[in-house]
Amino acid sequence: QVQLVESGGGLVQAGGSLRLSCATSGFAFNRYDMGWFRQAPGKEREFVAAITCGSTYSVDAVKGRFAISRDSARNTLYLHMNSLKPEDTAVYYCGRKAGSCYGYDRPGSYDFWGQGTQVTVSS
């Protein structure tokens, strides 16, 4: 069955870095677009970054600080996070995108999700 397992979260000081991983199994990883979302307490799940149709996209709030990448040999998606800010604190989720190249910034465009990994940035 399809599985996505995030790891790499933790507690970090402002200005620090983390690398999140999303290990996948149960499907042909290199045939699917993938994305990262995050959800802070009391807020809706929001788009962070995606790889879709050969291009990468990210929300303005993380541009220049976060980068998404994938390793098809390892069936793993990554989110490289630098210059972290307290407002980046959230549970981070990876998702498998269904359908066309469009809608990469909408949670409804993803058909499978991981369990999430907590990222906490202290000031």
N, C-alpha and C. Protein backbone atom coordinates (compact mmCIF):
# COMPACT_ATOMS: atom_id res chain seq x y z
N GLN A 1 0.84 -1.19 0.00
CA GLN A 1 0.00 0.00 0.00
C GLN A 1 0.88 1.25 0.00
N VAL A 2 0.28 2.36 -0.40
CA VAL A 2 1.01 3.62 -0.45
C VAL A 2 1.36 4.08 0.97
N GLN A 3 2.62 4.41 1.17
CA GLN A 3 3.06 4.94 2.46
C GLN A 3 3.99 6.11 2.25
N LEU A 4 3.81 7.14 3.06
CA LEU A 4 4.68 8.29 3.09
C LEU A 4 5.04 8.53 4.56
N VAL A 5 6.32 8.57 4.86
CA VAL A 5 6.77 8.71 6.23
C VAL A 5 7.75 9.87 6.33
N GLU A 6 7.34 10.93 7.03
CA GLU A 6 8.20 12.09 7.21
C GLU A 6 9.13 11.89 8.41
N SER A 7 10.28 12.54 8.34
CA SER A 7 11.22 12.56 9.45
C SER A 7 12.09 13.80 9.32
N GLY A 8 12.86 14.09 10.38
CA GLY A 8 13.80 15.19 10.33
C GLY A 8 13.37 16.44 11.07
N GLY A 9 12.15 16.46 11.58
CA GLY A 9 11.71 17.62 12.34
C GLY A 9 12.40 17.70 13.69
N GLY A 10 12.14 18.79 14.39
CA GLY A 10 12.73 18.95 15.72
C GLY A 10 12.66 20.39 16.19
N LEU A 11 13.39 20.66 17.26
CA LEU A 11 13.47 22.00 17.84
C LEU A 11 14.76 22.66 17.39
N VAL A 12 14.65 23.86 16.85
CA VAL A 12 15.83 24.57 16.35
C VAL A 12 15.69 26.04 16.69
N GLN A 13 16.81 26.72 16.88
CA GLN A 13 16.77 28.15 17.13
C GLN A 13 16.54 28.92 15.83
N ALA A 14 16.00 30.10 15.96
CA ALA A 14 15.82 30.97 14.80
C ALA A 14 17.16 31.15 14.08
N GLY A 15 17.11 31.08 12.75
CA GLY A 15 18.31 31.17 11.95
C GLY A 15 18.94 29.83 11.63
N GLY A 16 18.46 28.79 12.27
CA GLY A 16 19.01 27.46 12.06
C GLY A 16 18.44 26.78 10.83
N SER A 17 18.86 25.52 10.66
CA SER A 17 18.47 24.75 9.47
C SER A 17 17.99 23.36 9.86
N LEU A 18 17.13 22.82 9.03
CA LEU A 18 16.69 21.44 9.15
C LEU A 18 16.50 20.88 7.74
N ARG A 19 16.62 19.56 7.62
CA ARG A 19 16.26 18.89 6.38
C ARG A 19 15.19 17.84 6.69
N LEU A 20 14.02 18.03 6.12
CA LEU A 20 12.95 17.06 6.27
C LEU A 20 13.04 16.02 5.16
N SER A 21 12.73 14.79 5.50
CA SER A 21 12.69 13.70 4.53
C SER A 21 11.30 13.09 4.50
N CYS A 22 10.92 12.59 3.34
CA CYS A 22 9.66 11.89 3.18
C CYS A 22 9.96 10.60 2.42
N ALA A 23 10.06 9.52 3.16
CA ALA A 23 10.34 8.22 2.54
C ALA A 23 9.04 7.62 2.04
N THR A 24 9.04 7.18 0.79
CA THR A 24 7.81 6.67 0.19
C THR A 24 7.95 5.20 -0.21
N SER A 25 6.82 4.52 -0.30
CA SER A 25 6.80 3.14 -0.76
C SER A 25 5.40 2.82 -1.25
N GLY A 26 5.30 1.74 -2.02
CA GLY A 26 3.99 1.27 -2.48
C GLY A 26 3.49 1.89 -3.77
N PHE A 27 4.31 2.72 -4.41
CA PHE A 27 3.92 3.29 -5.70
C PHE A 27 5.19 3.70 -6.45
N ALA A 28 5.03 3.99 -7.74
CA ALA A 28 6.16 4.38 -8.59
C ALA A 28 6.48 5.85 -8.34
N PHE A 29 7.37 6.10 -7.39
CA PHE A 29 7.68 7.46 -6.92
C PHE A 29 8.01 8.40 -8.06
N ASN A 30 8.81 7.96 -9.02
CA ASN A 30 9.27 8.89 -10.07
C ASN A 30 8.17 9.25 -11.06
N ARG A 31 6.97 8.66 -10.92
CA ARG A 31 5.88 8.97 -11.82
C ARG A 31 4.87 9.94 -11.20
N TYR A 32 5.15 10.39 -9.99
CA TYR A 32 4.20 11.27 -9.31
C TYR A 32 4.86 12.58 -8.90
N ASP A 33 4.08 13.65 -9.01
CA ASP A 33 4.48 14.92 -8.43
C ASP A 33 4.25 14.85 -6.93
N MET A 34 5.02 15.65 -6.20
CA MET A 34 4.98 15.60 -4.74
C MET A 34 5.02 17.01 -4.17
N GLY A 35 4.57 17.15 -2.93
CA GLY A 35 4.59 18.46 -2.32
C GLY A 35 4.72 18.41 -0.81
N TRP A 36 5.03 19.56 -0.24
CA TRP A 36 5.11 19.76 1.20
C TRP A 36 4.09 20.82 1.61
N PHE A 37 3.39 20.53 2.69
CA PHE A 37 2.46 21.47 3.30
C PHE A 37 2.80 21.56 4.78
N ARG A 38 2.24 22.56 5.46
CA ARG A 38 2.43 22.67 6.90
C ARG A 38 1.14 23.16 7.54
N GLN A 39 1.01 22.84 8.82
CA GLN A 39 -0.19 23.24 9.55
C GLN A 39 0.20 23.65 10.96
N ALA A 40 -0.05 24.91 11.27
CA ALA A 40 0.19 25.43 12.61
C ALA A 40 -1.07 25.27 13.44
N PRO A 41 -0.95 25.26 14.77
CA PRO A 41 -2.14 25.10 15.63
C PRO A 41 -3.20 26.14 15.33
N GLY A 42 -4.43 25.70 15.14
CA GLY A 42 -5.54 26.60 14.89
C GLY A 42 -5.61 27.16 13.49
N LYS A 43 -4.73 26.69 12.62
CA LYS A 43 -4.73 27.19 11.24
C LYS A 43 -4.97 26.06 10.26
N GLU A 44 -5.32 26.43 9.04
CA GLU A 44 -5.52 25.43 8.00
C GLU A 44 -4.17 24.97 7.45
N ARG A 45 -4.20 23.80 6.82
CA ARG A 45 -3.00 23.29 6.17
C ARG A 45 -2.66 24.21 5.00
N GLU A 46 -1.39 24.63 4.92
CA GLU A 46 -0.99 25.57 3.88
C GLU A 46 0.15 25.01 3.05
N PHE A 47 0.17 25.42 1.80
CA PHE A 47 1.18 24.99 0.84
C PHE A 47 2.55 25.56 1.21
N VAL A 48 3.59 24.73 1.06
CA VAL A 48 4.96 25.18 1.26
C VAL A 48 5.75 25.10 -0.04
N ALA A 49 5.82 23.92 -0.63
CA ALA A 49 6.61 23.73 -1.84
C ALA A 49 6.15 22.47 -2.56
N ALA A 50 6.39 22.43 -3.87
CA ALA A 50 6.00 21.27 -4.66
C ALA A 50 6.94 21.09 -5.84
N ILE A 51 7.04 19.85 -6.26
CA ILE A 51 7.70 19.52 -7.52
C ILE A 51 6.61 18.96 -8.41
N THR A 52 6.30 19.65 -9.50
CA THR A 52 5.24 19.21 -10.38
C THR A 52 5.61 19.48 -11.82
N CYS A 53 5.42 18.45 -12.67
CA CYS A 53 5.70 18.56 -14.09
C CYS A 53 7.10 19.11 -14.37
N GLY A 54 8.07 18.68 -13.58
CA GLY A 54 9.45 19.03 -13.81
C GLY A 54 9.89 20.37 -13.26
N SER A 55 8.98 21.10 -12.63
CA SER A 55 9.33 22.40 -12.07
C SER A 55 9.08 22.40 -10.56
N THR A 56 9.76 23.32 -9.89
CA THR A 56 9.55 23.47 -8.45
C THR A 56 8.84 24.79 -8.17
N TYR A 57 8.02 24.78 -7.13
CA TYR A 57 7.26 25.95 -6.74
C TYR A 57 7.30 26.05 -5.22
N SER A 58 7.25 27.27 -4.71
CA SER A 58 7.19 27.46 -3.27
C SER A 58 6.40 28.71 -2.95
N VAL A 59 5.88 28.75 -1.73
CA VAL A 59 5.13 29.91 -1.30
C VAL A 59 6.09 31.06 -1.04
N ASP A 60 5.63 32.28 -1.23
CA ASP A 60 6.50 33.45 -1.11
C ASP A 60 7.20 33.52 0.25
N ALA A 61 6.51 33.07 1.30
CA ALA A 61 7.06 33.18 2.66
C ALA A 61 8.33 32.37 2.86
N VAL A 62 8.58 31.39 2.00
CA VAL A 62 9.76 30.55 2.18
C VAL A 62 10.75 30.68 1.03
N LYS A 63 10.42 31.45 0.01
CA LYS A 63 11.33 31.60 -1.13
C LYS A 63 12.69 32.12 -0.68
N GLY A 64 13.72 31.50 -1.20
CA GLY A 64 15.08 31.89 -0.84
C GLY A 64 15.58 31.24 0.44
N ARG A 65 14.68 30.58 1.18
CA ARG A 65 15.08 29.91 2.43
C ARG A 65 14.87 28.40 2.37
N PHE A 66 13.81 27.95 1.73
CA PHE A 66 13.49 26.53 1.64
C PHE A 66 13.70 26.05 0.20
N ALA A 67 14.06 24.79 0.06
CA ALA A 67 14.19 24.18 -1.26
C ALA A 67 13.66 22.76 -1.22
N ILE A 68 12.90 22.40 -2.23
CA ILE A 68 12.38 21.04 -2.32
C ILE A 68 13.22 20.26 -3.32
N SER A 69 13.43 18.99 -3.02
CA SER A 69 14.17 18.14 -3.95
C SER A 69 13.68 16.71 -3.80
N ARG A 70 14.07 15.86 -4.75
CA ARG A 70 13.68 14.46 -4.68
C ARG A 70 14.83 13.58 -5.15
N ASP A 71 14.90 12.38 -4.58
CA ASP A 71 15.90 11.40 -4.96
C ASP A 71 15.14 10.15 -5.41
N SER A 72 15.06 9.95 -6.72
CA SER A 72 14.27 8.83 -7.23
C SER A 72 14.91 7.49 -6.90
N ALA A 73 16.22 7.46 -6.75
CA ALA A 73 16.90 6.21 -6.40
C ALA A 73 16.52 5.77 -4.98
N ARG A 74 16.21 6.72 -4.13
CA ARG A 74 15.85 6.42 -2.74
C ARG A 74 14.35 6.54 -2.50
N ASN A 75 13.59 6.91 -3.53
CA ASN A 75 12.13 7.12 -3.38
C ASN A 75 11.82 8.08 -2.24
N THR A 76 12.58 9.15 -2.19
CA THR A 76 12.49 10.07 -1.05
C THR A 76 12.37 11.51 -1.52
N LEU A 77 11.51 12.25 -0.86
CA LEU A 77 11.32 13.68 -1.09
C LEU A 77 11.97 14.43 0.06
N TYR A 78 12.56 15.57 -0.23
CA TYR A 78 13.23 16.36 0.80
C TYR A 78 12.71 17.80 0.83
N LEU A 79 12.83 18.41 2.01
CA LEU A 79 12.62 19.84 2.15
C LEU A 79 13.79 20.39 2.95
N HIS A 80 14.62 21.17 2.27
CA HIS A 80 15.78 21.78 2.90
C HIS A 80 15.36 23.15 3.42
N MET A 81 15.48 23.35 4.72
CA MET A 81 14.99 24.58 5.34
C MET A 81 16.15 25.32 6.00
N ASN A 82 16.39 26.54 5.56
CA ASN A 82 17.44 27.39 6.12
C ASN A 82 16.84 28.68 6.66
N SER A 83 17.62 29.39 7.46
CA SER A 83 17.19 30.67 8.02
C SER A 83 15.79 30.57 8.62
N LEU A 84 15.60 29.56 9.42
CA LEU A 84 14.27 29.30 9.99
C LEU A 84 13.83 30.43 10.91
N LYS A 85 12.53 30.67 10.88
CA LYS A 85 11.91 31.73 11.70
C LYS A 85 10.87 31.11 12.62
N PRO A 86 10.56 31.77 13.72
CA PRO A 86 9.52 31.23 14.61
C PRO A 86 8.19 30.98 13.90
N GLU A 87 7.87 31.79 12.90
CA GLU A 87 6.61 31.61 12.17
C GLU A 87 6.62 30.38 11.27
N ASP A 88 7.75 29.71 11.14
CA ASP A 88 7.81 28.44 10.41
C ASP A 88 7.38 27.26 11.28
N THR A 89 7.15 27.51 12.56
CA THR A 89 6.73 26.45 13.47
C THR A 89 5.39 25.86 13.03
N ALA A 90 5.38 24.54 12.83
CA ALA A 90 4.18 23.85 12.34
C ALA A 90 4.48 22.36 12.26
N VAL A 91 3.44 21.59 12.01
CA VAL A 91 3.61 20.20 11.60
C VAL A 91 3.73 20.20 10.08
N TYR A 92 4.77 19.56 9.57
CA TYR A 92 5.02 19.52 8.13
C TYR A 92 4.61 18.17 7.57
N TYR A 93 3.87 18.20 6.46
CA TYR A 93 3.35 17.00 5.83
C TYR A 93 3.84 16.92 4.38
N CYS A 94 4.18 15.72 3.95
CA CYS A 94 4.42 15.51 2.52
C CYS A 94 3.19 14.83 1.93
N GLY A 95 2.95 15.12 0.66
CA GLY A 95 1.80 14.56 -0.01
C GLY A 95 2.12 14.11 -1.41
N ARG A 96 1.39 13.11 -1.88
CA ARG A 96 1.49 12.66 -3.26
C ARG A 96 0.41 13.35 -4.06
N LYS A 97 0.83 14.01 -5.14
CA LYS A 97 -0.12 14.78 -5.93
C LYS A 97 -0.77 13.90 -6.99
N ALA A 98 -2.07 14.05 -7.12
CA ALA A 98 -2.83 13.33 -8.14
C ALA A 98 -3.13 14.28 -9.30
N GLY A 99 -3.39 13.71 -10.46
CA GLY A 99 -3.91 14.50 -11.56
C GLY A 99 -2.88 15.33 -12.31
N SER A 100 -3.31 16.48 -12.82
CA SER A 100 -2.52 17.30 -13.74
C SER A 100 -1.47 18.13 -13.00
N CYS A 101 -0.79 18.97 -13.78
CA CYS A 101 0.24 19.85 -13.22
C CYS A 101 -0.34 20.95 -12.36
N TYR A 102 -1.61 21.21 -12.46
CA TYR A 102 -2.20 22.35 -11.79
C TYR A 102 -2.68 22.00 -10.39
N GLY A 103 -2.95 23.02 -9.61
CA GLY A 103 -3.48 22.81 -8.28
C GLY A 103 -2.47 22.31 -7.28
N TYR A 104 -1.19 22.55 -7.55
CA TYR A 104 -0.16 22.01 -6.66
C TYR A 104 -0.18 22.68 -5.29
N ASP A 105 -0.84 23.83 -5.18
CA ASP A 105 -0.87 24.55 -3.91
C ASP A 105 -2.15 24.29 -3.12
N ARG A 106 -2.94 23.34 -3.56
CA ARG A 106 -4.20 23.03 -2.87
C ARG A 106 -4.15 21.63 -2.25
N PRO A 107 -4.47 21.51 -0.98
CA PRO A 107 -4.44 20.17 -0.34
C PRO A 107 -5.33 19.16 -1.05
N GLY A 108 -6.43 19.62 -1.62
CA GLY A 108 -7.36 18.70 -2.29
C GLY A 108 -6.79 18.05 -3.53
N SER A 109 -5.64 18.55 -4.02
CA SER A 109 -5.01 17.97 -5.21
C SER A 109 -4.13 16.77 -4.86
N TYR A 110 -4.00 16.46 -3.59
CA TYR A 110 -3.12 15.38 -3.13
C TYR A 110 -3.97 14.23 -2.62
N ASP A 111 -3.55 13.00 -2.98
CA ASP A 111 -4.38 11.85 -2.61
C ASP A 111 -3.84 11.02 -1.45
N PHE A 112 -2.59 11.18 -1.10
CA PHE A 112 -2.02 10.50 0.05
C PHE A 112 -1.12 11.46 0.81
N TRP A 113 -1.12 11.28 2.15
CA TRP A 113 -0.33 12.13 3.03
C TRP A 113 0.44 11.28 4.03
N GLY A 114 1.54 11.85 4.51
CA GLY A 114 2.24 11.24 5.62
C GLY A 114 1.61 11.65 6.94
N GLN A 115 2.21 11.19 8.03
CA GLN A 115 1.67 11.46 9.35
C GLN A 115 2.12 12.81 9.91
N GLY A 116 3.12 13.41 9.28
CA GLY A 116 3.60 14.71 9.69
C GLY A 116 4.80 14.64 10.62
N THR A 117 5.60 15.70 10.61
CA THR A 117 6.74 15.84 11.51
C THR A 117 6.74 17.26 12.06
N GLN A 118 6.94 17.38 13.36
CA GLN A 118 6.85 18.68 14.03
C GLN A 118 8.15 19.46 13.86
N VAL A 119 8.02 20.70 13.46
CA VAL A 119 9.14 21.64 13.40
C VAL A 119 8.82 22.79 14.35
N THR A 120 9.70 23.03 15.31
CA THR A 120 9.52 24.11 16.26
C THR A 120 10.75 25.01 16.21
N VAL A 121 10.52 26.30 15.95
CA VAL A 121 11.61 27.26 15.85
C VAL A 121 11.49 28.23 17.01
N SER A 122 12.51 28.26 17.86
CA SER A 122 12.48 29.15 19.02
C SER A 122 13.16 30.48 18.68
N SER A 123 12.68 31.54 19.33
CA SER A 123 13.23 32.87 19.05
C SER A 123 14.39 33.20 19.97
